Amino acid sequence: MGELLDGRYELGAVIGRGGMADVHRATDVRLRREVAVKLFRSGAERSSGEARLLAALSHPALVKIFDAAPEHDRPYLVMQLVEGPTLRHRLDSGGALRPQHAARVGARLADALACVHAHGIVHRDVKPANILLDDAGGCFLTDFGIARALGSARLTITGHCVGTAAYLAPEQLRGEAVGPPADIYALGLVLLECLTGSPEYDGADLEAAIARLNRRPRLPGWLPPVWTAALAAMTADDPAHRPSAADCAQRLAAAALWSGKPTQTRPPWRRAEHTQRMEPVSTQRLQPVGS
């Protein structure tokens, strides 16, 4: 028998690790159901903020929160258990997704982001490691630990930039205001990686950041026009030129219906190379003001 947390949650194996917390498979012995418990290593403030954000959201592609104990000596969240790997693991082990599969994943995630943004929240760390895939083919956006309500996430060059280097939007690197378009940009890079099997901005965090500020993402010539148009819009350098999450969901739903042939021969489906990734760190010391 594993550790019994608060006399109710029996902790099992660790199924995920992050910079601030470990996620355990667990059993709610009172309700007799399997759950996931996110156990924070230190600091209740972050767990409390994540609980409040998640409690306001309801969408099939967002992991449900069942309970929270931010004041506990070991702060924790109790969440829906998703049986399946992260998208990061799926790409590393199986390579690129088929375009229609990637479009379905993208449409569902974009619809979830539309819900998030409608509640005045910016995720700020959309990446394959924060997307879960279940055995039924569904996907879930997770880890709102660094999400912020709109108006409280302005970044300046005096602090620390929050996010993951390979998926940061240009405005995050430039120390500008961060809003919903930053999530759209990150989702565009995630989907491009789903199609090609490799991160568009690879390498160490500084290398990825410099590349981001010096070139646009490269869109393969074999992509059909519906994909090219969607990804080009989502990864526009100017945040004002990116579509809304709801618009992205519609564009990607259309891409999921595309059944033509590629405009050029695409390379063989291949396994993605492992690259250096980081948990919320930065290339320049940028920090949210008022957080």
C-alpha atoms as a PDB file:
ATOM      1  CA  MET A   1       0.000   0.000   0.000  1.00  0.00           C
ATOM      2  CA  GLY A   2       1.351   3.431  -0.945  1.00  0.00           C
ATOM      3  CA  GLU A   3       1.367   6.639   1.069  1.00  0.00           C
ATOM      4  CA  LEU A   4      -2.136   7.763   2.040  1.00  0.00           C
ATOM      5  CA  LEU A   5      -2.425  11.510   1.558  1.00  0.00           C
ATOM      6  CA  ASP A   6      -4.895  13.194   3.928  1.00  0.00           C
ATOM      7  CA  GLY A   7      -6.412   9.804   4.647  1.00  0.00           C
ATOM      8  CA  ARG A   8      -7.980   9.753   1.184  1.00  0.00           C
ATOM      9  CA  TYR A   9      -5.539   9.621  -1.736  1.00  0.00           C
ATOM     10  CA  GLU A  10      -3.339   6.537  -1.951  1.00  0.00           C
ATOM     11  CA  LEU A  11      -0.273   7.527  -3.960  1.00  0.00           C
ATOM     12  CA  GLY A  12       1.108   5.178  -6.573  1.00  0.00           C
ATOM     13  CA  ALA A  13       3.850   5.444  -9.176  1.00  0.00           C
ATOM     14  CA  VAL A  14       5.166   8.760 -10.463  1.00  0.00           C
ATOM     15  CA  ILE A  15       3.816   9.235 -13.986  1.00  0.00           C
ATOM     16  CA  GLY A  16       5.184  12.718 -14.661  1.00  0.00           C
ATOM     17  CA  ARG A  17       7.854  15.094 -13.398  1.00  0.00           C
ATOM     18  CA  GLY A  18       8.240  18.842 -13.747  1.00  0.00           C
ATOM     19  CA  GLY A  19      10.291  21.641 -12.302  1.00  0.00           C
ATOM     20  CA  MET A  20       7.858  22.282  -9.452  1.00  0.00           C
ATOM     21  CA  ALA A  21       5.918  19.050  -8.944  1.00  0.00           C
ATOM     22  CA  ASP A  22       5.619  15.319  -9.466  1.00  0.00           C
ATOM     23  CA  VAL A  23       2.419  13.733 -10.759  1.00  0.00           C
ATOM     24  CA  HIS A  24       1.418  10.410  -9.210  1.00  0.00           C
ATOM     25  CA  ARG A  25      -1.117   7.855 -10.258  1.00  0.00           C
ATOM     26  CA  ALA A  26      -3.345   7.557  -7.209  1.00  0.00           C
ATOM     27  CA  THR A  27      -6.573   6.088  -5.873  1.00  0.00           C
ATOM     28  CA  ASP A  28      -9.301   8.112  -4.209  1.00  0.00           C
ATOM     29  CA  VAL A  29     -10.188   5.522  -1.567  1.00  0.00           C
ATOM     30  CA  ARG A  30     -13.332   7.399  -0.570  1.00  0.00           C
ATOM     31  CA  LEU A  31     -14.873   7.438  -4.058  1.00  0.00           C
ATOM     32  CA  ARG A  32     -12.974   4.365  -5.271  1.00  0.00           C
ATOM     33  CA  ARG A  33     -11.720   5.924  -8.477  1.00  0.00           C
ATOM     34  CA  GLU A  34      -8.334   6.340 -10.115  1.00  0.00           C
ATOM     35  CA  VAL A  35      -6.987   9.896 -10.185  1.00  0.00           C
ATOM     36  CA  ALA A  36      -3.781  11.826 -10.776  1.00  0.00           C
ATOM     37  CA  VAL A  37      -2.246  13.739  -7.861  1.00  0.00           C
ATOM     38  CA  LYS A  38       0.082  16.620  -8.637  1.00  0.00           C
ATOM     39  CA  LEU A  39       2.294  16.910  -5.555  1.00  0.00           C
ATOM     40  CA  PHE A  40       4.214  20.201  -5.338  1.00  0.00           C
ATOM     41  CA  ARG A  41       7.723  20.151  -3.947  1.00  0.00           C
ATOM     42  CA  SER A  42       7.533  23.624  -2.412  1.00  0.00           C
ATOM     43  CA  GLY A  43       5.366  26.709  -2.310  1.00  0.00           C
ATOM     44  CA  ALA A  44       1.582  26.697  -2.048  1.00  0.00           C
ATOM     45  CA  GLU A  45       1.123  29.903  -4.050  1.00  0.00           C
ATOM     46  CA  ARG A  46       1.635  28.244  -7.412  1.00  0.00           C
ATOM     47  CA  SER A  47      -0.635  25.293  -6.634  1.00  0.00           C
ATOM     48  CA  SER A  48      -3.356  27.650  -5.402  1.00  0.00           C
ATOM     49  CA  GLY A  49      -3.148  29.724  -8.566  1.00  0.00           C
ATOM     50  CA  GLU A  50      -3.325  26.690 -10.821  1.00  0.00           C
ATOM     51  CA  ALA A  51      -6.327  25.331  -8.900  1.00  0.00           C
ATOM     52  CA  ARG A  52      -8.227  28.609  -9.244  1.00  0.00           C
ATOM     53  CA  LEU A  53      -7.519  28.828 -12.965  1.00  0.00           C
ATOM     54  CA  LEU A  54      -8.558  25.246 -13.675  1.00  0.00           C
ATOM     55  CA  ALA A  55     -11.686  25.506 -11.541  1.00  0.00           C
ATOM     56  CA  ALA A  56     -13.001  28.209 -13.879  1.00  0.00           C
ATOM     57  CA  LEU A  57     -12.559  26.084 -17.000  1.00  0.00           C
ATOM     58  CA  SER A  58     -14.668  23.295 -18.444  1.00  0.00           C
ATOM     59  CA  HIS A  59     -13.826  21.672 -21.768  1.00  0.00           C
ATOM     60  CA  PRO A  60     -13.443  18.056 -22.961  1.00  0.00           C
ATOM     61  CA  ALA A  61      -9.790  18.714 -23.841  1.00  0.00           C
ATOM     62  CA  LEU A  62      -8.878  20.202 -20.451  1.00  0.00           C
ATOM     63  CA  VAL A  63      -7.971  17.900 -17.578  1.00  0.00           C
ATOM     64  CA  LYS A  64     -10.585  18.196 -14.825  1.00  0.00           C
ATOM     65  CA  ILE A  65      -9.603  19.172 -11.297  1.00  0.00           C
ATOM     66  CA  PHE A  66     -11.338  17.301  -8.465  1.00  0.00           C
ATOM     67  CA  ASP A  67      -9.678  18.613  -5.310  1.00  0.00           C
ATOM     68  CA  ALA A  68      -6.933  20.959  -4.110  1.00  0.00           C
ATOM     69  CA  ALA A  69      -4.988  21.481  -0.886  1.00  0.00           C
ATOM     70  CA  PRO A  70      -2.834  24.587  -1.424  1.00  0.00           C
ATOM     71  CA  GLU A  71      -2.361  25.176   2.313  1.00  0.00           C
ATOM     72  CA  HIS A  72      -1.199  21.622   3.007  1.00  0.00           C
ATOM     73  CA  ASP A  73       2.401  21.168   4.137  1.00  0.00           C
ATOM     74  CA  ARG A  74       2.780  19.312   0.846  1.00  0.00           C
ATOM     75  CA  PRO A  75       0.465  21.250  -1.514  1.00  0.00           C
ATOM     76  CA  TYR A  76      -1.318  19.109  -4.091  1.00  0.00           C
ATOM     77  CA  LEU A  77      -3.966  19.014  -6.812  1.00  0.00           C
ATOM     78  CA  VAL A  78      -6.175  16.022  -7.553  1.00  0.00           C
ATOM     79  CA  MET A  79      -6.992  15.728 -11.238  1.00  0.00           C
ATOM     80  CA  GLN A  80      -8.542  13.508 -13.850  1.00  0.00           C
ATOM     81  CA  LEU A  81      -6.273  10.584 -14.729  1.00  0.00           C
ATOM     82  CA  VAL A  82      -5.587  10.358 -18.464  1.00  0.00           C
ATOM     83  CA  GLU A  83      -4.431   6.912 -19.535  1.00  0.00           C
ATOM     84  CA  GLY A  84      -1.855   7.488 -22.216  1.00  0.00           C
ATOM     85  CA  PRO A  85       1.463   9.144 -23.122  1.00  0.00           C
ATOM     86  CA  THR A  86       2.322  12.778 -23.629  1.00  0.00           C
ATOM     87  CA  LEU A  87       2.544  14.047 -27.183  1.00  0.00           C
ATOM     88  CA  ARG A  88       6.278  14.544 -26.473  1.00  0.00           C
ATOM     89  CA  HIS A  89       6.675  10.827 -25.793  1.00  0.00           C
ATOM     90  CA  ARG A  90       4.563   9.923 -28.835  1.00  0.00           C
ATOM     91  CA  LEU A  91       6.684  12.053 -31.177  1.00  0.00           C
ATOM     92  CA  ASP A  92       9.980  10.838 -29.698  1.00  0.00           C
ATOM     93  CA  SER A  93       8.998   7.178 -29.903  1.00  0.00           C
ATOM     94  CA  GLY A  94       6.828   7.040 -33.012  1.00  0.00           C
ATOM     95  CA  GLY A  95       7.806   9.983 -35.172  1.00  0.00           C
ATOM     96  CA  ALA A  96       5.524  12.357 -37.046  1.00  0.00           C
ATOM     97  CA  LEU A  97       1.747  12.089 -37.076  1.00  0.00           C
ATOM     98  CA  ARG A  98      -0.292  11.654 -40.210  1.00  0.00           C
ATOM     99  CA  PRO A  99      -1.634  15.039 -41.367  1.00  0.00           C
ATOM    100  CA  GLN A 100      -5.276  14.180 -40.663  1.00  0.00           C
ATOM    101  CA  HIS A 101      -4.405  12.960 -37.166  1.00  0.00           C
ATOM    102  CA  ALA A 102      -2.378  16.112 -36.504  1.00  0.00           C
ATOM    103  CA  ALA A 103      -5.295  18.237 -37.728  1.00  0.00           C
ATOM    104  CA  ARG A 104      -7.745  16.506 -35.385  1.00  0.00           C
ATOM    105  CA  VAL A 105      -5.380  16.984 -32.447  1.00  0.00           C
ATOM    106  CA  GLY A 106      -4.854  20.616 -33.391  1.00  0.00           C
ATOM    107  CA  ALA A 107      -8.555  21.374 -33.823  1.00  0.00           C
ATOM    108  CA  ARG A 108      -9.364  19.944 -30.395  1.00  0.00           C
ATOM    109  CA  LEU A 109      -6.523  21.836 -28.704  1.00  0.00           C
ATOM    110  CA  ALA A 110      -7.429  25.089 -30.475  1.00  0.00           C
ATOM    111  CA  ASP A 111     -11.022  24.698 -29.303  1.00  0.00           C
ATOM    112  CA  ALA A 112      -9.726  24.172 -25.746  1.00  0.00           C
ATOM    113  CA  LEU A 113      -7.594  27.318 -26.040  1.00  0.00           C
ATOM    114  CA  ALA A 114     -10.670  29.235 -27.218  1.00  0.00           C
ATOM    115  CA  CYS A 115     -12.299  28.266 -23.911  1.00  0.00           C
ATOM    116  CA  VAL A 116      -9.172  29.232 -21.960  1.00  0.00           C
ATOM    117  CA  HIS A 117      -8.878  32.609 -23.686  1.00  0.00           C
ATOM    118  CA  ALA A 118     -12.604  33.318 -23.282  1.00  0.00           C
ATOM    119  CA  HIS A 119     -12.028  33.133 -19.520  1.00  0.00           C
ATOM    120  CA  GLY A 120      -9.243  35.710 -19.740  1.00  0.00           C
ATOM    121  CA  ILE A 121      -6.402  33.223 -19.276  1.00  0.00           C
ATOM    122  CA  VAL A 122      -3.205  32.683 -21.263  1.00  0.00           C
ATOM    123  CA  HIS A 123      -1.567  29.252 -20.901  1.00  0.00           C
ATOM    124  CA  ARG A 124       1.957  30.453 -21.853  1.00  0.00           C
ATOM    125  CA  ASP A 125       3.525  26.991 -22.075  1.00  0.00           C
ATOM    126  CA  VAL A 126       1.808  25.067 -24.863  1.00  0.00           C
ATOM    127  CA  LYS A 127       4.225  22.288 -25.848  1.00  0.00           C
ATOM    128  CA  PRO A 128       4.152  18.526 -26.572  1.00  0.00           C
ATOM    129  CA  ALA A 129       5.103  17.659 -22.980  1.00  0.00           C
ATOM    130  CA  ASN A 130       1.950  19.439 -21.759  1.00  0.00           C
ATOM    131  CA  ILE A 131      -0.395  17.567 -24.087  1.00  0.00           C
ATOM    132  CA  LEU A 132      -1.698  14.149 -23.078  1.00  0.00           C
ATOM    133  CA  LEU A 133      -3.027  11.537 -25.498  1.00  0.00           C
ATOM    134  CA  ASP A 134      -5.512   8.960 -24.267  1.00  0.00           C
ATOM    135  CA  ASP A 135      -6.183   5.434 -25.481  1.00  0.00           C
ATOM    136  CA  ALA A 136      -9.374   6.539 -27.243  1.00  0.00           C
ATOM    137  CA  GLY A 137      -7.550   8.999 -29.497  1.00  0.00           C
ATOM    138  CA  GLY A 138      -8.386  12.130 -27.512  1.00  0.00           C
ATOM    139  CA  CYS A 139      -5.942  14.801 -26.387  1.00  0.00           C
ATOM    140  CA  PHE A 140      -5.793  17.037 -23.331  1.00  0.00           C
ATOM    141  CA  LEU A 141      -3.990  20.298 -22.574  1.00  0.00           C
ATOM    142  CA  THR A 142      -2.423  20.202 -19.121  1.00  0.00           C
ATOM    143  CA  ASP A 143      -0.137  22.092 -16.744  1.00  0.00           C
ATOM    144  CA  PHE A 144      -1.506  25.563 -16.126  1.00  0.00           C
ATOM    145  CA  GLY A 145       1.156  26.181 -13.505  1.00  0.00           C
ATOM    146  CA  ILE A 146       2.522  29.283 -15.254  1.00  0.00           C
ATOM    147  CA  ALA A 147      -0.751  30.440 -16.821  1.00  0.00           C
ATOM    148  CA  ARG A 148      -1.763  34.009 -16.075  1.00  0.00           C
ATOM    149  CA  ALA A 149      -4.925  36.041 -16.196  1.00  0.00           C
ATOM    150  CA  LEU A 150      -4.822  38.623 -18.965  1.00  0.00           C
ATOM    151  CA  GLY A 151      -3.329  41.898 -17.815  1.00  0.00           C
ATOM    152  CA  SER A 152      -0.954  40.308 -15.300  1.00  0.00           C
ATOM    153  CA  ALA A 153       1.602  38.745 -17.624  1.00  0.00           C
ATOM    154  CA  ARG A 154       3.485  41.695 -19.088  1.00  0.00           C
ATOM    155  CA  LEU A 155       7.153  40.789 -19.433  1.00  0.00           C
ATOM    156  CA  THR A 156      10.138  43.087 -19.162  1.00  0.00           C
ATOM    157  CA  ILE A 157      13.841  42.698 -19.690  1.00  0.00           C
ATOM    158  CA  THR A 158      14.470  43.017 -15.962  1.00  0.00           C
ATOM    159  CA  GLY A 159      13.258  39.576 -14.979  1.00  0.00           C
ATOM    160  CA  HIS A 160      12.598  36.027 -16.060  1.00  0.00           C
ATOM    161  CA  CYS A 161      10.835  34.822 -19.187  1.00  0.00           C
ATOM    162  CA  VAL A 162       8.423  32.021 -18.396  1.00  0.00           C
ATOM    163  CA  GLY A 163       7.911  29.242 -20.919  1.00  0.00           C
ATOM    164  CA  THR A 164       9.857  26.663 -22.886  1.00  0.00           C
ATOM    165  CA  ALA A 165      12.432  27.964 -25.353  1.00  0.00           C
ATOM    166  CA  ALA A 166      11.529  25.842 -28.380  1.00  0.00           C
ATOM    167  CA  TYR A 167       7.894  27.076 -28.338  1.00  0.00           C
ATOM    168  CA  LEU A 168       8.100  30.694 -27.149  1.00  0.00           C
ATOM    169  CA  ALA A 169       6.478  33.320 -29.342  1.00  0.00           C
ATOM    170  CA  PRO A 170       8.714  36.136 -30.609  1.00  0.00           C
ATOM    171  CA  GLU A 171       6.986  38.694 -28.367  1.00  0.00           C
ATOM    172  CA  GLN A 172       7.849  36.595 -25.320  1.00  0.00           C
ATOM    173  CA  LEU A 173      11.512  36.725 -26.292  1.00  0.00           C
ATOM    174  CA  ARG A 174      11.318  40.446 -27.008  1.00  0.00           C
ATOM    175  CA  GLY A 175       9.876  41.178 -23.568  1.00  0.00           C
ATOM    176  CA  GLU A 176       6.545  42.441 -24.884  1.00  0.00           C
ATOM    177  CA  ALA A 177       3.009  41.884 -23.599  1.00  0.00           C
ATOM    178  CA  VAL A 178       1.910  38.251 -23.698  1.00  0.00           C
ATOM    179  CA  GLY A 179      -1.663  37.472 -24.680  1.00  0.00           C
ATOM    180  CA  PRO A 180      -3.650  34.718 -26.424  1.00  0.00           C
ATOM    181  CA  PRO A 181      -1.632  35.062 -29.681  1.00  0.00           C
ATOM    182  CA  ALA A 182       1.395  33.603 -27.838  1.00  0.00           C
ATOM    183  CA  ASP A 183      -0.551  30.370 -27.268  1.00  0.00           C
ATOM    184  CA  ILE A 184      -1.564  30.335 -30.946  1.00  0.00           C
ATOM    185  CA  TYR A 185       2.064  30.668 -32.027  1.00  0.00           C
ATOM    186  CA  ALA A 186       3.151  27.845 -29.723  1.00  0.00           C
ATOM    187  CA  LEU A 187       0.344  25.595 -30.985  1.00  0.00           C
ATOM    188  CA  GLY A 188       1.446  26.317 -34.557  1.00  0.00           C
ATOM    189  CA  LEU A 189       4.979  25.144 -33.734  1.00  0.00           C
ATOM    190  CA  VAL A 190       3.614  22.056 -31.976  1.00  0.00           C
ATOM    191  CA  LEU A 191       1.554  21.138 -35.043  1.00  0.00           C
ATOM    192  CA  LEU A 192       4.489  21.758 -37.394  1.00  0.00           C
ATOM    193  CA  GLU A 193       6.516  19.354 -35.254  1.00  0.00           C
ATOM    194  CA  CYS A 194       3.659  16.830 -35.400  1.00  0.00           C
ATOM    195  CA  LEU A 195       3.867  16.948 -39.205  1.00  0.00           C
ATOM    196  CA  THR A 196       7.643  16.854 -39.600  1.00  0.00           C
ATOM    197  CA  GLY A 197       8.689  14.811 -36.561  1.00  0.00           C
ATOM    198  CA  SER A 198      11.247  17.368 -35.323  1.00  0.00           C
ATOM    199  CA  PRO A 199      11.089  20.702 -33.473  1.00  0.00           C
ATOM    200  CA  GLU A 200      11.356  23.645 -35.848  1.00  0.00           C
ATOM    201  CA  TYR A 201      13.662  25.512 -33.460  1.00  0.00           C
ATOM    202  CA  ASP A 202      15.997  22.834 -32.171  1.00  0.00           C
ATOM    203  CA  GLY A 203      19.025  22.886 -29.938  1.00  0.00           C
ATOM    204  CA  ALA A 204      19.809  24.650 -26.669  1.00  0.00           C
ATOM    205  CA  ASP A 205      17.569  27.423 -25.392  1.00  0.00           C
ATOM    206  CA  LEU A 206      19.774  30.320 -26.545  1.00  0.00           C
ATOM    207  CA  GLU A 207      20.218  28.805 -29.997  1.00  0.00           C
ATOM    208  CA  ALA A 208      16.465  28.267 -30.357  1.00  0.00           C
ATOM    209  CA  ALA A 209      15.698  31.810 -29.240  1.00  0.00           C
ATOM    210  CA  ILE A 210      18.156  33.422 -31.644  1.00  0.00           C
ATOM    211  CA  ALA A 211      16.745  31.378 -34.521  1.00  0.00           C
ATOM    212  CA  ARG A 212      13.210  32.426 -33.548  1.00  0.00           C
ATOM    213  CA  LEU A 213      14.059  36.100 -33.795  1.00  0.00           C
ATOM    214  CA  ASN A 214      15.936  35.763 -37.086  1.00  0.00           C
ATOM    215  CA  ARG A 215      13.736  33.582 -39.261  1.00  0.00           C
ATOM    216  CA  ARG A 216      10.152  32.489 -39.724  1.00  0.00           C
ATOM    217  CA  PRO A 217       9.275  28.792 -39.348  1.00  0.00           C
ATOM    218  CA  ARG A 218      10.047  26.782 -42.475  1.00  0.00           C
ATOM    219  CA  LEU A 219       6.926  25.157 -43.915  1.00  0.00           C
ATOM    220  CA  PRO A 220       7.629  22.012 -45.987  1.00  0.00           C
ATOM    221  CA  GLY A 221       6.711  22.225 -49.649  1.00  0.00           C
ATOM    222  CA  TRP A 222       4.768  18.955 -49.480  1.00  0.00           C
ATOM    223  CA  LEU A 223       2.144  20.454 -47.162  1.00  0.00           C
ATOM    224  CA  PRO A 224      -1.261  21.005 -48.802  1.00  0.00           C
ATOM    225  CA  PRO A 225      -2.408  24.642 -49.089  1.00  0.00           C
ATOM    226  CA  VAL A 226      -4.920  24.293 -46.235  1.00  0.00           C
ATOM    227  CA  TRP A 227      -2.070  23.392 -43.858  1.00  0.00           C
ATOM    228  CA  THR A 228       0.349  25.987 -45.222  1.00  0.00           C
ATOM    229  CA  ALA A 229      -2.188  28.776 -44.819  1.00  0.00           C
ATOM    230  CA  ALA A 230      -3.114  27.715 -41.288  1.00  0.00           C
ATOM    231  CA  LEU A 231       0.457  27.358 -40.012  1.00  0.00           C
ATOM    232  CA  ALA A 232       1.676  30.554 -41.702  1.00  0.00           C
ATOM    233  CA  ALA A 233      -1.120  32.504 -40.004  1.00  0.00           C
ATOM    234  CA  MET A 234      -0.604  30.884 -36.605  1.00  0.00           C
ATOM    235  CA  THR A 235       3.142  31.600 -36.627  1.00  0.00           C
ATOM    236  CA  ALA A 236       2.994  35.164 -37.964  1.00  0.00           C
ATOM    237  CA  ASP A 237       5.664  37.283 -36.298  1.00  0.00           C
ATOM    238  CA  ASP A 238       3.185  40.026 -35.431  1.00  0.00           C
ATOM    239  CA  PRO A 239       0.727  38.781 -32.764  1.00  0.00           C
ATOM    240  CA  ALA A 240      -1.997  41.014 -34.225  1.00  0.00           C
ATOM    241  CA  HIS A 241      -1.861  39.038 -37.474  1.00  0.00           C
ATOM    242  CA  ARG A 242      -2.482  35.637 -35.875  1.00  0.00           C
ATOM    243  CA  PRO A 243      -5.987  34.143 -35.919  1.00  0.00           C
ATOM    244  CA  SER A 244      -8.019  33.557 -32.788  1.00  0.00           C
ATOM    245  CA  ALA A 245      -8.147  30.102 -31.241  1.00  0.00           C
ATOM    246  CA  ALA A 246     -11.722  29.648 -32.476  1.00  0.00           C
ATOM    247  CA  ASP A 247     -10.646  30.516 -36.028  1.00  0.00           C
ATOM    248  CA  CYS A 248      -7.729  28.078 -35.745  1.00  0.00           C
ATOM    249  CA  ALA A 249     -10.123  25.328 -34.678  1.00  0.00           C
ATOM    250  CA  GLN A 250     -12.182  25.902 -37.836  1.00  0.00           C
ATOM    251  CA  ARG A 251      -9.121  25.965 -40.095  1.00  0.00           C
ATOM    252  CA  LEU A 252      -7.747  22.765 -38.577  1.00  0.00           C
ATOM    253  CA  ALA A 253     -11.101  21.017 -38.786  1.00  0.00           C
ATOM    254  CA  ALA A 254     -11.000  21.785 -42.512  1.00  0.00           C
ATOM    255  CA  ALA A 255      -7.451  20.395 -42.696  1.00  0.00           C
ATOM    256  CA  ALA A 256      -8.681  17.172 -41.059  1.00  0.00           C
ATOM    257  CA  LEU A 257     -11.101  16.714 -43.971  1.00  0.00           C
ATOM    258  CA  TRP A 258      -8.441  17.203 -46.645  1.00  0.00           C
ATOM    259  CA  SER A 259      -7.850  13.969 -48.547  1.00  0.00           C
ATOM    260  CA  GLY A 260      -5.848  15.056 -51.581  1.00  0.00           C
ATOM    261  CA  LYS A 261      -2.243  14.302 -52.441  1.00  0.00           C
ATOM    262  CA  PRO A 262       0.736  16.343 -51.198  1.00  0.00           C
ATOM    263  CA  THR A 263       1.925  19.051 -53.560  1.00  0.00           C
ATOM    264  CA  GLN A 264       5.414  17.519 -53.375  1.00  0.00           C
ATOM    265  CA  THR A 265       6.759  14.189 -52.212  1.00  0.00           C
ATOM    266  CA  ARG A 266       7.254  14.341 -48.473  1.00  0.00           C
ATOM    267  CA  PRO A 267      10.241  12.666 -46.790  1.00  0.00           C
ATOM    268  CA  PRO A 268       9.711   9.290 -45.141  1.00  0.00           C
ATOM    269  CA  TRP A 269       7.936   9.336 -41.796  1.00  0.00           C
ATOM    270  CA  ARG A 270      10.776   9.338 -39.331  1.00  0.00           C
ATOM    271  CA  ARG A 271      11.388   9.355 -35.632  1.00  0.00           C
ATOM    272  CA  ALA A 272      12.110  12.737 -34.109  1.00  0.00           C
ATOM    273  CA  GLU A 273      15.574  13.318 -32.716  1.00  0.00           C
ATOM    274  CA  HIS A 274      15.841  13.931 -29.010  1.00  0.00           C
ATOM    275  CA  THR A 275      16.736  17.539 -28.301  1.00  0.00           C
ATOM    276  CA  GLN A 276      17.644  19.552 -25.269  1.00  0.00           C
ATOM    277  CA  ARG A 277      14.465  20.888 -23.654  1.00  0.00           C
ATOM    278  CA  MET A 278      13.913  22.929 -20.567  1.00  0.00           C
ATOM    279  CA  GLU A 279      11.330  23.593 -17.951  1.00  0.00           C
ATOM    280  CA  PRO A 280      10.268  27.214 -17.521  1.00  0.00           C
ATOM    281  CA  VAL A 281      13.593  28.985 -18.100  1.00  0.00           C
ATOM    282  CA  SER A 282      14.747  31.690 -20.384  1.00  0.00           C
ATOM    283  CA  THR A 283      17.364  32.958 -22.793  1.00  0.00           C
ATOM    284  CA  GLN A 284      17.244  36.451 -21.363  1.00  0.00           C
ATOM    285  CA  ARG A 285      16.234  37.221 -17.833  1.00  0.00           C
ATOM    286  CA  LEU A 286      12.680  38.340 -18.391  1.00  0.00           C
ATOM    287  CA  GLN A 287      10.111  38.472 -15.614  1.00  0.00           C
ATOM    288  CA  PRO A 288       6.349  38.974 -15.342  1.00  0.00           C
ATOM    289  CA  VAL A 289       5.528  42.226 -13.595  1.00  0.00           C
ATOM    290  CA  GLY A 290       2.831  42.171 -10.948  1.00  0.00           C
ATOM    291  CA  SER A 291       2.934  38.401 -10.455  1.00  0.00           C
END
